[in-house]
Amino acid sequence: MNIKTLIAAGVLAASAFGAPALAQEVLKVGVEALYPPFESKTPDGKLVGFDVELNDAVCARLQAKCEWVETSFDGLIPALNARKFHYINSAMNITAPRQKVIDFTVPIYDVPSQLIAKKGSGLQATPESLKSTVVGVLQGSAQEAFVKKHWAPKGVKIVSYASQDQIYQDLQSNRIQAAVQKTPSAVSAFLEKPEGKDYEVTGAPLDDTSVLGVGTGFGIRKGNDELKKRLDGAIDALKKDGTISKLTQKYFNADWVAK
């Protein structure tokens, strides 16, 4: 056996027995974990919720390892563009203003946004009904954009909060008289809990796609077309096999898959 043959045999042996396997792709995912049932944390710090299970399914399709990076909701887009993570998965509506600074996947699900107030208050989701009230809303959300566009100019006082939990606390203490958020969040995080027993969803769902958007998707940096294509493919496959429909039924008791 000549020297070249010996070297080739050694390389093959190293490949078969000693060389490390190719490293699994790691995708970092931005989230604000304060918005059940979409994403929240258990007392022991585990991330749970609709978007968490959805992300697990997407990453399994991509054969990637995904790691969560937590930040405030209004800080998600700046952090994405600063390359702190690869994409946003945090119940973010696909809206025209956001599309000016980031791209989105295809819409994944589309849930309503509604007003909650004390039972018997008679409050409705109209500026006329809310003129003498204070309404709380999450800072940086599409719901904030809606109330500032439609209600604030007509005399409704709007207070923006850094977290949804703070909104519910101030609602209980009567610092505000109503709040606007995605309906499943109101039900799961407040109305189904003892502290929310005296409150209810009231009025019709908010309606203005120019600010509320066309459903919810993952946010991606502009120009990252390869990742968008891969995420879109995984999402479409999970729609077709019924995974996303099952998750919406599990968490929302409704089939709110975006068409």
Protein backbone atom coordinates (compact mmCIF):
# COMPACT_ATOMS: atom_id res chain seq x y z
CA MET A 1 0.00 0.00 0.00
CA ASN A 2 1.53 3.34 -1.00
CA ILE A 3 1.54 6.52 1.07
CA LYS A 4 -1.37 8.10 -0.83
CA THR A 5 -3.54 5.06 -0.17
CA LEU A 6 -2.66 5.15 3.53
CA ILE A 7 -3.59 8.84 3.80
CA ALA A 8 -6.91 8.30 2.00
CA ALA A 9 -7.73 5.39 4.29
CA GLY A 10 -6.97 7.53 7.33
CA VAL A 11 -9.25 10.32 6.14
CA LEU A 12 -12.09 7.87 5.56
CA ALA A 13 -11.63 6.36 8.98
CA ALA A 14 -11.69 9.76 10.63
CA SER A 15 -14.85 10.65 8.75
CA ALA A 16 -16.56 7.45 9.80
CA PHE A 17 -15.49 7.30 13.44
CA GLY A 18 -13.82 10.43 14.65
CA ALA A 19 -15.16 13.50 12.82
CA PRO A 20 -17.96 15.48 14.49
CA ALA A 21 -21.39 15.57 12.87
CA LEU A 22 -22.49 18.75 11.14
CA ALA A 23 -23.78 21.24 13.70
CA GLN A 24 -27.57 21.66 13.78
CA GLU A 25 -28.81 25.03 12.57
CA VAL A 26 -29.76 27.37 15.42
CA LEU A 27 -32.47 29.97 14.86
CA LYS A 28 -32.99 32.67 17.48
CA VAL A 29 -36.61 33.80 17.96
CA GLY A 30 -37.72 37.10 19.49
CA VAL A 31 -40.67 37.09 21.88
CA GLU A 32 -42.33 39.01 24.69
CA ALA A 33 -43.58 36.25 26.99
CA LEU A 34 -46.35 38.24 28.68
CA TYR A 35 -49.37 37.58 26.49
CA PRO A 36 -51.23 34.34 27.25
CA PRO A 37 -52.54 32.22 25.61
CA PHE A 38 -50.10 33.17 22.84
CA GLU A 39 -46.91 33.17 24.90
CA SER A 40 -46.26 33.28 28.65
CA LYS A 41 -44.12 31.61 31.31
CA THR A 42 -44.94 29.06 33.98
CA PRO A 43 -43.80 29.72 37.57
CA ASP A 44 -40.67 27.67 36.89
CA GLY A 45 -39.80 29.81 33.87
CA LYS A 46 -40.91 27.52 31.05
CA LEU A 47 -42.30 29.20 27.92
CA VAL A 48 -45.80 27.98 27.03
CA GLY A 49 -48.65 28.94 24.72
CA PHE A 50 -49.97 28.83 21.18
CA ASP A 51 -46.99 30.54 19.56
CA VAL A 52 -44.57 28.35 21.51
CA GLU A 53 -46.16 25.12 20.24
CA LEU A 54 -46.42 26.62 16.76
CA ASN A 55 -42.73 27.48 16.83
CA ASP A 56 -41.84 23.96 17.93
CA ALA A 57 -43.71 22.58 14.92
CA VAL A 58 -42.09 25.05 12.51
CA CYS A 59 -38.59 24.33 13.79
CA ALA A 60 -39.20 20.58 13.54
CA ARG A 61 -40.16 21.09 9.88
CA LEU A 62 -36.98 23.07 9.31
CA GLN A 63 -34.91 20.53 11.25
CA ALA A 64 -33.48 23.43 13.23
CA LYS A 65 -32.90 24.12 16.90
CA CYS A 66 -34.74 27.26 17.99
CA GLU A 67 -33.78 29.44 20.94
CA TRP A 68 -36.01 32.14 22.42
CA VAL A 69 -34.77 35.68 23.03
CA GLU A 70 -37.05 37.73 25.27
CA THR A 71 -37.59 41.47 24.97
CA SER A 72 -40.40 44.00 25.36
CA PHE A 73 -43.04 44.01 22.64
CA ASP A 74 -42.23 47.51 21.42
CA GLY A 75 -38.55 46.55 21.34
CA LEU A 76 -38.98 43.49 19.12
CA ILE A 77 -38.64 45.19 15.73
CA PRO A 78 -35.59 47.30 16.69
CA ALA A 79 -33.95 44.18 18.18
CA LEU A 80 -34.70 42.17 15.02
CA ASN A 81 -33.13 44.83 12.83
CA ALA A 82 -30.15 44.93 15.20
CA ARG A 83 -29.70 41.20 14.49
CA LYS A 84 -30.41 40.08 18.06
CA PHE A 85 -32.45 37.21 16.60
CA HIS A 86 -33.55 35.77 13.25
CA TYR A 87 -37.30 36.32 13.41
CA ILE A 88 -40.14 37.50 15.66
CA ASN A 89 -42.84 35.13 16.89
CA SER A 90 -44.90 37.12 19.39
CA ALA A 91 -48.54 37.48 18.24
CA MET A 92 -47.52 40.38 15.99
CA ASN A 93 -50.14 41.60 13.50
CA ILE A 94 -49.06 42.12 9.90
CA THR A 95 -49.68 45.84 9.39
CA ALA A 96 -48.69 48.33 6.71
CA PRO A 97 -46.51 50.50 9.03
CA ARG A 98 -44.58 47.44 10.22
CA GLN A 99 -44.16 46.21 6.64
CA LYS A 100 -42.23 49.39 5.89
CA VAL A 101 -39.44 48.31 8.24
CA ILE A 102 -39.60 44.48 8.30
CA ASP A 103 -41.01 41.64 6.22
CA PHE A 104 -43.50 39.02 7.37
CA THR A 105 -44.26 35.43 6.60
CA VAL A 106 -47.61 34.49 5.14
CA PRO A 107 -50.41 35.15 7.67
CA ILE A 108 -50.67 32.25 10.14
CA TYR A 109 -53.80 33.03 12.14
CA ASP A 110 -56.28 35.88 12.40
CA VAL A 111 -58.02 36.51 15.73
CA PRO A 112 -60.37 39.38 16.66
CA SER A 113 -59.57 42.28 18.98
CA GLN A 114 -62.23 43.50 21.39
CA LEU A 115 -63.05 45.76 24.31
CA ILE A 116 -63.39 44.46 27.86
CA ALA A 117 -65.10 46.39 30.65
CA LYS A 118 -66.94 45.80 33.91
CA LYS A 119 -70.13 43.78 33.63
CA GLY A 120 -73.18 46.02 33.44
CA SER A 121 -71.15 49.07 32.44
CA GLY A 122 -72.97 49.30 29.12
CA LEU A 123 -69.73 50.36 27.42
CA GLN A 124 -69.40 49.58 23.72
CA ALA A 125 -66.45 49.74 21.36
CA THR A 126 -67.34 53.16 19.98
CA PRO A 127 -65.89 56.61 20.71
CA GLU A 128 -69.35 57.88 21.65
CA SER A 129 -69.73 55.24 24.34
CA LEU A 130 -66.19 55.64 25.65
CA LYS A 131 -65.91 59.44 25.63
CA SER A 132 -65.85 59.78 29.43
CA THR A 133 -63.62 56.77 30.07
CA VAL A 134 -59.94 55.85 30.09
CA VAL A 135 -58.97 52.92 27.88
CA GLY A 136 -55.80 50.87 28.34
CA VAL A 137 -53.86 49.28 25.49
CA LEU A 138 -50.50 47.58 24.96
CA GLN A 139 -47.74 49.91 23.81
CA GLY A 140 -46.59 49.28 20.27
CA SER A 141 -49.56 47.04 19.42
CA ALA A 142 -51.89 47.21 16.44
CA GLN A 143 -54.71 47.76 18.93
CA GLU A 144 -52.93 50.90 20.15
CA ALA A 145 -52.76 52.15 16.56
CA PHE A 146 -56.49 51.51 16.16
CA VAL A 147 -57.65 53.40 19.27
CA LYS A 148 -55.30 56.30 18.59
CA LYS A 149 -56.65 56.59 15.06
CA HIS A 150 -60.36 56.12 15.73
CA TRP A 151 -61.03 57.01 19.37
CA ALA A 152 -58.44 59.46 20.69
CA PRO A 153 -59.36 62.24 18.21
CA LYS A 154 -62.96 61.99 19.44
CA GLY A 155 -62.15 62.55 23.09
CA VAL A 156 -61.41 59.07 24.43
CA LYS A 157 -58.40 59.09 26.76
CA ILE A 158 -55.92 56.37 25.82
CA VAL A 159 -53.21 55.06 28.17
CA SER A 160 -50.49 52.81 26.73
CA TYR A 161 -48.79 50.20 28.90
CA ALA A 162 -45.54 48.28 28.65
CA SER A 163 -47.26 44.99 29.53
CA GLN A 164 -50.74 43.51 29.35
CA ASP A 165 -50.63 42.50 33.03
CA GLN A 166 -50.34 46.15 34.03
CA ILE A 167 -53.48 46.90 32.03
CA TYR A 168 -55.53 44.31 33.92
CA GLN A 169 -54.20 45.55 37.26
CA ASP A 170 -55.24 49.12 36.50
CA LEU A 171 -58.61 47.92 35.22
CA GLN A 172 -59.26 46.26 38.58
CA SER A 173 -58.21 49.37 40.49
CA ASN A 174 -60.44 51.55 38.24
CA ARG A 175 -57.53 53.66 36.99
CA ILE A 176 -58.90 52.73 33.59
CA GLN A 177 -62.45 51.69 32.73
CA ALA A 178 -61.84 49.52 29.67
CA ALA A 179 -59.09 47.77 27.73
CA VAL A 180 -58.52 46.62 24.16
CA GLN A 181 -56.55 43.52 23.23
CA LYS A 182 -56.80 40.33 21.21
CA THR A 183 -59.89 38.47 22.39
CA PRO A 184 -58.15 35.18 23.30
CA SER A 185 -55.71 37.08 25.51
CA ALA A 186 -58.53 38.82 27.38
CA VAL A 187 -60.27 35.50 28.00
CA SER A 188 -57.23 33.44 28.97
CA ALA A 189 -55.23 35.98 30.93
CA PHE A 190 -58.05 37.80 32.73
CA LEU A 191 -61.71 36.87 32.24
CA GLU A 192 -61.24 33.18 33.12
CA LYS A 193 -59.36 34.05 36.31
CA PRO A 194 -60.94 35.02 39.66
CA GLU A 195 -59.79 38.63 39.31
CA GLY A 196 -61.67 38.94 36.02
CA LYS A 197 -65.03 37.54 37.19
CA ASP A 198 -66.68 40.97 37.22
CA TYR A 199 -65.59 41.85 33.67
CA GLU A 200 -66.67 40.85 30.18
CA VAL A 201 -66.00 41.23 26.47
CA THR A 202 -68.33 43.91 25.17
CA GLY A 203 -69.08 45.29 21.74
CA ALA A 204 -68.24 44.10 18.26
CA PRO A 205 -64.69 43.20 17.20
CA LEU A 206 -62.58 46.12 16.02
CA ASP A 207 -62.52 46.49 12.26
CA ASP A 208 -59.88 48.34 10.27
CA THR A 209 -57.32 46.25 8.39
CA SER A 210 -55.26 49.37 7.64
CA VAL A 211 -54.10 49.39 11.27
CA LEU A 212 -55.10 45.97 12.63
CA GLY A 213 -53.52 44.23 9.67
CA VAL A 214 -54.30 41.05 7.77
CA GLY A 215 -53.56 38.43 10.39
CA THR A 216 -50.54 37.45 12.45
CA GLY A 217 -47.20 36.22 11.13
CA PHE A 218 -43.51 35.94 11.94
CA GLY A 219 -41.47 39.11 11.46
CA ILE A 220 -38.27 38.83 9.40
CA ARG A 221 -35.55 41.33 8.53
CA LYS A 222 -35.90 42.84 5.08
CA GLY A 223 -33.69 41.10 2.57
CA ASN A 224 -33.69 37.77 4.39
CA ASP A 225 -35.59 36.15 1.54
CA GLU A 226 -34.19 32.66 2.05
CA LEU A 227 -35.43 32.44 5.65
CA LYS A 228 -38.82 33.88 4.64
CA LYS A 229 -39.18 31.23 1.93
CA ARG A 230 -38.32 28.43 4.34
CA LEU A 231 -40.65 29.71 7.07
CA ASP A 232 -43.48 30.20 4.56
CA GLY A 233 -43.01 26.64 3.36
CA ALA A 234 -43.13 25.24 6.89
CA ILE A 235 -46.22 27.29 7.76
CA ASP A 236 -48.05 26.23 4.59
CA ALA A 237 -47.26 22.57 5.33
CA LEU A 238 -48.57 22.93 8.89
CA LYS A 239 -51.76 24.50 7.56
CA LYS A 240 -52.26 21.68 5.09
CA ASP A 241 -51.70 18.88 7.60
CA GLY A 242 -54.08 20.45 10.13
CA THR A 243 -51.49 21.24 12.81
CA ILE A 244 -52.27 24.96 13.03
CA SER A 245 -56.03 24.34 12.99
CA LYS A 246 -55.65 21.94 15.93
CA LEU A 247 -53.61 24.51 17.84
CA THR A 248 -56.20 27.26 17.31
CA GLN A 249 -58.91 24.89 18.55
CA LYS A 250 -56.80 23.99 21.58
CA TYR A 251 -55.97 27.54 22.61
CA PHE A 252 -58.82 29.64 21.18
CA ASN A 253 -61.76 27.19 20.92
CA ALA A 254 -62.15 28.39 17.33
CA ASP A 255 -60.59 27.73 13.94
CA TRP A 256 -58.83 31.01 13.26
CA VAL A 257 -56.27 29.82 10.73
CA ALA A 258 -55.53 32.56 8.22
CA LYS A 259 -56.68 31.61 4.72
